[in-house]
């Protein structure tokens, strides 16, 4: 199996997981991954969003 086939198989598996599990479960897991990536990259949430040109949400 080549790399593209492996990636497509993963995308299909993830889509199935998202369809069959509650939002709260998979979004919590994604949050852990994203926070870990930001921490290892030494970026704050705001720096990451700026890099992606996504406006940060105000927390009041």
PDB file of N, CA and C in Angstrom:
ATOM      1  N   UNK A   1       0.858  -1.179   0.000  1.00  0.00           N
ATOM      2  CA  UNK A   1       0.000   0.000   0.000  1.00  0.00           C
ATOM      3  C   UNK A   1       0.902   1.239   0.000  1.00  0.00           C
ATOM      4  N   UNK A   2       0.661   2.145  -0.921  1.00  0.00           N
ATOM      5  CA  UNK A   2       1.489   3.354  -0.971  1.00  0.00           C
ATOM      6  C   UNK A   2       0.975   4.400   0.019  1.00  0.00           C
ATOM      7  N   UNK A   3       1.728   5.490   0.155  1.00  0.00           N
ATOM      8  CA  UNK A   3       1.425   6.527   1.140  1.00  0.00           C
ATOM      9  C   UNK A   3       0.046   7.152   0.911  1.00  0.00           C
ATOM     10  N   UNK A   4      -0.297   7.448  -0.330  1.00  0.00           N
ATOM     11  CA  UNK A   4      -1.599   8.056  -0.612  1.00  0.00           C
ATOM     12  C   UNK A   4      -2.742   7.110  -0.235  1.00  0.00           C
ATOM     13  N   UNK A   5      -2.578   5.845  -0.522  1.00  0.00           N
ATOM     14  CA  UNK A   5      -3.612   4.862  -0.150  1.00  0.00           C
ATOM     15  C   UNK A   5      -3.756   4.776   1.363  1.00  0.00           C
ATOM     16  N   UNK A   6      -2.629   4.813   2.067  1.00  0.00           N
ATOM     17  CA  UNK A   6      -2.669   4.777   3.532  1.00  0.00           C
ATOM     18  C   UNK A   6      -3.386   6.005   4.085  1.00  0.00           C
ATOM     19  N   UNK A   7      -3.083   7.172   3.516  1.00  0.00           N
ATOM     20  CA  UNK A   7      -3.739   8.397   3.978  1.00  0.00           C
ATOM     21  C   UNK A   7      -5.243   8.348   3.722  1.00  0.00           C
ATOM     22  N   UNK A   8      -5.646   7.885   2.557  1.00  0.00           N
ATOM     23  CA  UNK A   8      -7.070   7.808   2.235  1.00  0.00           C
ATOM     24  C   UNK A   8      -7.776   6.802   3.149  1.00  0.00           C
ATOM     25  N   UNK A   9      -7.112   5.695   3.455  1.00  0.00           N
ATOM     26  CA  UNK A   9      -7.689   4.707   4.370  1.00  0.00           C
ATOM     27  C   UNK A   9      -7.882   5.327   5.755  1.00  0.00           C
ATOM     28  N   UNK A  10      -6.887   6.121   6.207  1.00  0.00           N
ATOM     29  CA  UNK A  10      -7.007   6.794   7.494  1.00  0.00           C
ATOM     30  C   UNK A  10      -8.169   7.790   7.476  1.00  0.00           C
ATOM     31  N   UNK A  11      -8.284   8.583   6.404  1.00  0.00           N
ATOM     32  CA  UNK A  11      -9.372   9.569   6.295  1.00  0.00           C
ATOM     33  C   UNK A  11     -10.718   8.864   6.363  1.00  0.00           C
ATOM     34  N   UNK A  12     -10.867   7.767   5.644  1.00  0.00           N
ATOM     35  CA  UNK A  12     -12.127   7.003   5.678  1.00  0.00           C
ATOM     36  C   UNK A  12     -12.419   6.478   7.085  1.00  0.00           C
ATOM     37  N   UNK A  13     -11.382   5.963   7.752  1.00  0.00           N
ATOM     38  CA  UNK A  13     -11.562   5.429   9.109  1.00  0.00           C
ATOM     39  C   UNK A  13     -11.939   6.545  10.079  1.00  0.00           C
ATOM     40  N   UNK A  14     -11.274   7.705   9.956  1.00  0.00           N
ATOM     41  CA  UNK A  14     -11.587   8.832  10.846  1.00  0.00           C
ATOM     42  C   UNK A  14     -13.007   9.342  10.603  1.00  0.00           C
ATOM     43  N   UNK A  15     -13.406   9.437   9.339  1.00  0.00           N
ATOM     44  CA  UNK A  15     -14.762   9.893   9.026  1.00  0.00           C
ATOM     45  C   UNK A  15     -15.789   8.948   9.640  1.00  0.00           C
ATOM     46  N   UNK A  16     -15.539   7.667   9.572  1.00  0.00           N
ATOM     47  CA  UNK A  16     -16.447   6.679  10.179  1.00  0.00           C
ATOM     48  C   UNK A  16     -16.495   6.864  11.694  1.00  0.00           C
ATOM     49  N   UNK A  17     -15.340   7.092  12.304  1.00  0.00           N
ATOM     50  CA  UNK A  17     -15.271   7.297  13.746  1.00  0.00           C
ATOM     51  C   UNK A  17     -16.090   8.524  14.156  1.00  0.00           C
ATOM     52  N   UNK A  18     -15.917   9.617  13.410  1.00  0.00           N
ATOM     53  CA  UNK A  18     -16.633  10.860  13.715  1.00  0.00           C
ATOM     54  C   UNK A  18     -18.141  10.655  13.569  1.00  0.00           C
ATOM     55  N   UNK A  19     -18.542   9.883  12.582  1.00  0.00           N
ATOM     56  CA  UNK A  19     -19.984   9.621  12.381  1.00  0.00           C
ATOM     57  C   UNK A  19     -20.579   8.756  13.483  1.00  0.00           C
ATOM     58  N   UNK A  20     -19.769   7.879  14.093  1.00  0.00           N
ATOM     59  CA  UNK A  20     -20.303   6.893  15.025  1.00  0.00           C
ATOM     60  C   UNK A  20     -20.011   7.188  16.499  1.00  0.00           C
ATOM     61  N   UNK A  21     -19.363   8.317  16.777  1.00  0.00           N
ATOM     62  CA  UNK A  21     -19.062   8.686  18.165  1.00  0.00           C
ATOM     63  C   UNK A  21     -19.561  10.099  18.438  1.00  0.00           C
ATOM     64  N   UNK A  22     -19.908  10.382  19.692  1.00  0.00           N
ATOM     65  CA  UNK A  22     -20.408  11.713  20.040  1.00  0.00           C
ATOM     66  C   UNK A  22     -19.357  12.797  19.787  1.00  0.00           C
ATOM     67  N   UNK A  23     -19.839  13.980  19.400  1.00  0.00           N
ATOM     68  CA  UNK A  23     -18.948  15.117  19.153  1.00  0.00           C
ATOM     69  C   UNK A  23     -18.034  15.371  20.347  1.00  0.00           C
ATOM     70  N   UNK A  24     -18.584  15.274  21.541  1.00  0.00           N
ATOM     71  CA  UNK A  24     -17.804  15.581  22.743  1.00  0.00           C
ATOM     72  C   UNK A  24     -16.608  14.641  22.887  1.00  0.00           C
ATOM     73  N   UNK A  25     -16.741  13.410  22.438  1.00  0.00           N
ATOM     74  CA  UNK A  25     -15.648  12.438  22.553  1.00  0.00           C
ATOM     75  C   UNK A  25     -14.521  12.734  21.562  1.00  0.00           C
ATOM     76  N   UNK A  26     -14.848  12.835  20.290  1.00  0.00           N
ATOM     77  CA  UNK A  26     -13.772  13.018  19.299  1.00  0.00           C
ATOM     78  C   UNK A  26     -13.214  14.435  19.319  1.00  0.00           C
ATOM     79  N   UNK A  27     -14.029  15.436  19.670  1.00  0.00           N
ATOM     80  CA  UNK A  27     -13.490  16.799  19.718  1.00  0.00           C
ATOM     81  C   UNK A  27     -12.533  16.957  20.894  1.00  0.00           C
ATOM     82  N   UNK A  28     -12.803  16.274  21.991  1.00  0.00           N
ATOM     83  CA  UNK A  28     -11.892  16.295  23.142  1.00  0.00           C
ATOM     84  C   UNK A  28     -10.545  15.668  22.746  1.00  0.00           C
ATOM     85  N   UNK A  29     -10.607  14.584  21.983  1.00  0.00           N
ATOM     86  CA  UNK A  29      -9.377  13.935  21.530  1.00  0.00           C
ATOM     87  C   UNK A  29      -8.593  14.839  20.585  1.00  0.00           C
ATOM     88  N   UNK A  30      -9.287  15.523  19.689  1.00  0.00           N
ATOM     89  CA  UNK A  30      -8.622  16.444  18.776  1.00  0.00           C
ATOM     90  C   UNK A  30      -7.974  17.589  19.553  1.00  0.00           C
ATOM     91  N   UNK A  31      -8.648  18.059  20.583  1.00  0.00           N
ATOM     92  CA  UNK A  31      -8.107  19.138  21.408  1.00  0.00           C
ATOM     93  C   UNK A  31      -6.776  18.737  22.037  1.00  0.00           C
ATOM     94  N   UNK A  32      -6.685  17.509  22.513  1.00  0.00           N
ATOM     95  CA  UNK A  32      -5.437  17.020  23.108  1.00  0.00           C
ATOM     96  C   UNK A  32      -4.323  17.026  22.068  1.00  0.00           C
ATOM     97  N   UNK A  33      -4.624  16.555  20.869  1.00  0.00           N
ATOM     98  CA  UNK A  33      -3.617  16.506  19.802  1.00  0.00           C
ATOM     99  C   UNK A  33      -3.170  17.911  19.417  1.00  0.00           C
ATOM    100  N   UNK A  34      -4.124  18.798  19.208  1.00  0.00           N
ATOM    101  CA  UNK A  34      -3.792  20.166  18.791  1.00  0.00           C
ATOM    102  C   UNK A  34      -2.984  20.875  19.864  1.00  0.00           C
ATOM    103  N   UNK A  35      -3.403  20.764  21.123  1.00  0.00           N
ATOM    104  CA  UNK A  35      -2.656  21.404  22.204  1.00  0.00           C
ATOM    105  C   UNK A  35      -1.243  20.858  22.310  1.00  0.00           C
ATOM    106  N   UNK A  36      -1.081  19.554  22.108  1.00  0.00           N
ATOM    107  CA  UNK A  36       0.242  18.945  22.136  1.00  0.00           C
ATOM    108  C   UNK A  36       1.117  19.475  21.013  1.00  0.00           C
ATOM    109  N   UNK A  37       0.553  19.607  19.832  1.00  0.00           N
ATOM    110  CA  UNK A  37       1.307  20.156  18.695  1.00  0.00           C
ATOM    111  C   UNK A  37       1.722  21.595  18.959  1.00  0.00           C
ATOM    112  N   UNK A  38       0.812  22.393  19.496  1.00  0.00           N
ATOM    113  CA  UNK A  38       1.137  23.785  19.799  1.00  0.00           C
ATOM    114  C   UNK A  38       2.235  23.882  20.854  1.00  0.00           C
ATOM    115  N   UNK A  39       2.149  23.024  21.860  1.00  0.00           N
ATOM    116  CA  UNK A  39       3.151  23.049  22.921  1.00  0.00           C
ATOM    117  C   UNK A  39       4.516  22.668  22.370  1.00  0.00           C
ATOM    118  N   UNK A  40       4.571  21.636  21.557  1.00  0.00           N
ATOM    119  CA  UNK A  40       5.868  21.205  21.028  1.00  0.00           C
ATOM    120  C   UNK A  40       6.431  22.219  20.035  1.00  0.00           C
ATOM    121  N   UNK A  41       5.562  22.996  19.405  1.00  0.00           N
ATOM    122  CA  UNK A  41       6.017  24.021  18.467  1.00  0.00           C
ATOM    123  C   UNK A  41       6.303  25.339  19.182  1.00  0.00           C
ATOM    124  N   UNK A  42       6.066  25.379  20.474  1.00  0.00           N
ATOM    125  CA  UNK A  42       6.268  26.578  21.286  1.00  0.00           C
ATOM    126  C   UNK A  42       5.438  27.756  20.773  1.00  0.00           C
ATOM    127  N   UNK A  43       4.239  27.481  20.329  1.00  0.00           N
ATOM    128  CA  UNK A  43       3.327  28.529  19.874  1.00  0.00           C
ATOM    129  C   UNK A  43       2.185  28.671  20.869  1.00  0.00           C
ATOM    130  N   UNK A  44       1.739  29.888  21.041  1.00  0.00           N
ATOM    131  CA  UNK A  44       0.511  30.096  21.793  1.00  0.00           C
ATOM    132  C   UNK A  44      -0.664  29.875  20.842  1.00  0.00           C
ATOM    133  N   UNK A  45      -1.846  29.726  21.399  1.00  0.00           N
ATOM    134  CA  UNK A  45      -3.042  29.587  20.570  1.00  0.00           C
ATOM    135  C   UNK A  45      -3.186  30.783  19.638  1.00  0.00           C
ATOM    136  N   UNK A  46      -2.920  31.980  20.177  1.00  0.00           N
ATOM    137  CA  UNK A  46      -3.046  33.195  19.382  1.00  0.00           C
ATOM    138  C   UNK A  46      -2.023  33.227  18.242  1.00  0.00           C
ATOM    139  N   UNK A  47      -0.792  32.793  18.521  1.00  0.00           N
ATOM    140  CA  UNK A  47       0.233  32.760  17.474  1.00  0.00           C
ATOM    141  C   UNK A  47      -0.159  31.777  16.370  1.00  0.00           C
ATOM    142  N   UNK A  48      -0.683  30.636  16.767  1.00  0.00           N
ATOM    143  CA  UNK A  48      -1.106  29.634  15.793  1.00  0.00           C
ATOM    144  C   UNK A  48      -2.225  30.180  14.914  1.00  0.00           C
ATOM    145  N   UNK A  49      -3.218  30.794  15.540  1.00  0.00           N
ATOM    146  CA  UNK A  49      -4.342  31.332  14.777  1.00  0.00           C
ATOM    147  C   UNK A  49      -3.888  32.450  13.844  1.00  0.00           C
ATOM    148  N   UNK A  50      -2.954  33.274  14.308  1.00  0.00           N
ATOM    149  CA  UNK A  50      -2.417  34.325  13.450  1.00  0.00           C
ATOM    150  C   UNK A  50      -1.690  33.718  12.254  1.00  0.00           C
ATOM    151  N   UNK A  51      -0.925  32.682  12.514  1.00  0.00           N
ATOM    152  CA  UNK A  51      -0.207  32.006  11.440  1.00  0.00           C
ATOM    153  C   UNK A  51      -1.191  31.459  10.399  1.00  0.00           C
ATOM    154  N   UNK A  52      -2.310  30.955  10.870  1.00  0.00           N
ATOM    155  CA  UNK A  52      -3.339  30.402   9.985  1.00  0.00           C
ATOM    156  C   UNK A  52      -4.296  31.475   9.489  1.00  0.00           C
ATOM    157  N   UNK A  53      -4.118  32.713   9.963  1.00  0.00           N
ATOM    158  CA  UNK A  53      -4.966  33.844   9.615  1.00  0.00           C
ATOM    159  C   UNK A  53      -6.434  33.600   9.998  1.00  0.00           C
ATOM    160  N   UNK A  54      -6.621  33.004  11.159  1.00  0.00           N
ATOM    161  CA  UNK A  54      -7.951  32.767  11.701  1.00  0.00           C
ATOM    162  C   UNK A  54      -8.125  33.702  12.880  1.00  0.00           C
ATOM    163  N   UNK A  55      -9.162  34.534  12.891  1.00  0.00           N
ATOM    164  CA  UNK A  55      -9.351  35.445  14.020  1.00  0.00           C
ATOM    165  C   UNK A  55      -9.595  34.665  15.320  1.00  0.00           C
ATOM    166  N   UNK A  56      -8.903  35.060  16.351  1.00  0.00           N
ATOM    167  CA  UNK A  56      -9.065  34.407  17.660  1.00  0.00           C
ATOM    168  C   UNK A  56     -10.411  34.823  18.244  1.00  0.00           C
ATOM    169  N   UNK A  57     -11.049  33.881  18.947  1.00  0.00           N
ATOM    170  CA  UNK A  57     -12.305  34.184  19.636  1.00  0.00           C
ATOM    171  C   UNK A  57     -11.987  34.905  20.931  1.00  0.00           C
ATOM    172  N   UNK A  58     -12.768  35.926  21.238  1.00  0.00           N
ATOM    173  CA  UNK A  58     -12.581  36.638  22.506  1.00  0.00           C
ATOM    174  C   UNK A  58     -13.186  35.808  23.621  1.00  0.00           C
ATOM    175  N   UNK A  59     -12.456  35.689  24.705  1.00  0.00           N
ATOM    176  CA  UNK A  59     -12.953  34.985  25.892  1.00  0.00           C
ATOM    177  C   UNK A  59     -13.217  36.010  26.967  1.00  0.00           C
ATOM    178  N   UNK A  60     -14.489  36.232  27.260  1.00  0.00           N
ATOM    179  CA  UNK A  60     -14.871  37.226  28.261  1.00  0.00           C
ATOM    180  C   UNK A  60     -15.650  36.588  29.356  1.00  0.00           C
TER     181      UNK A  60
END
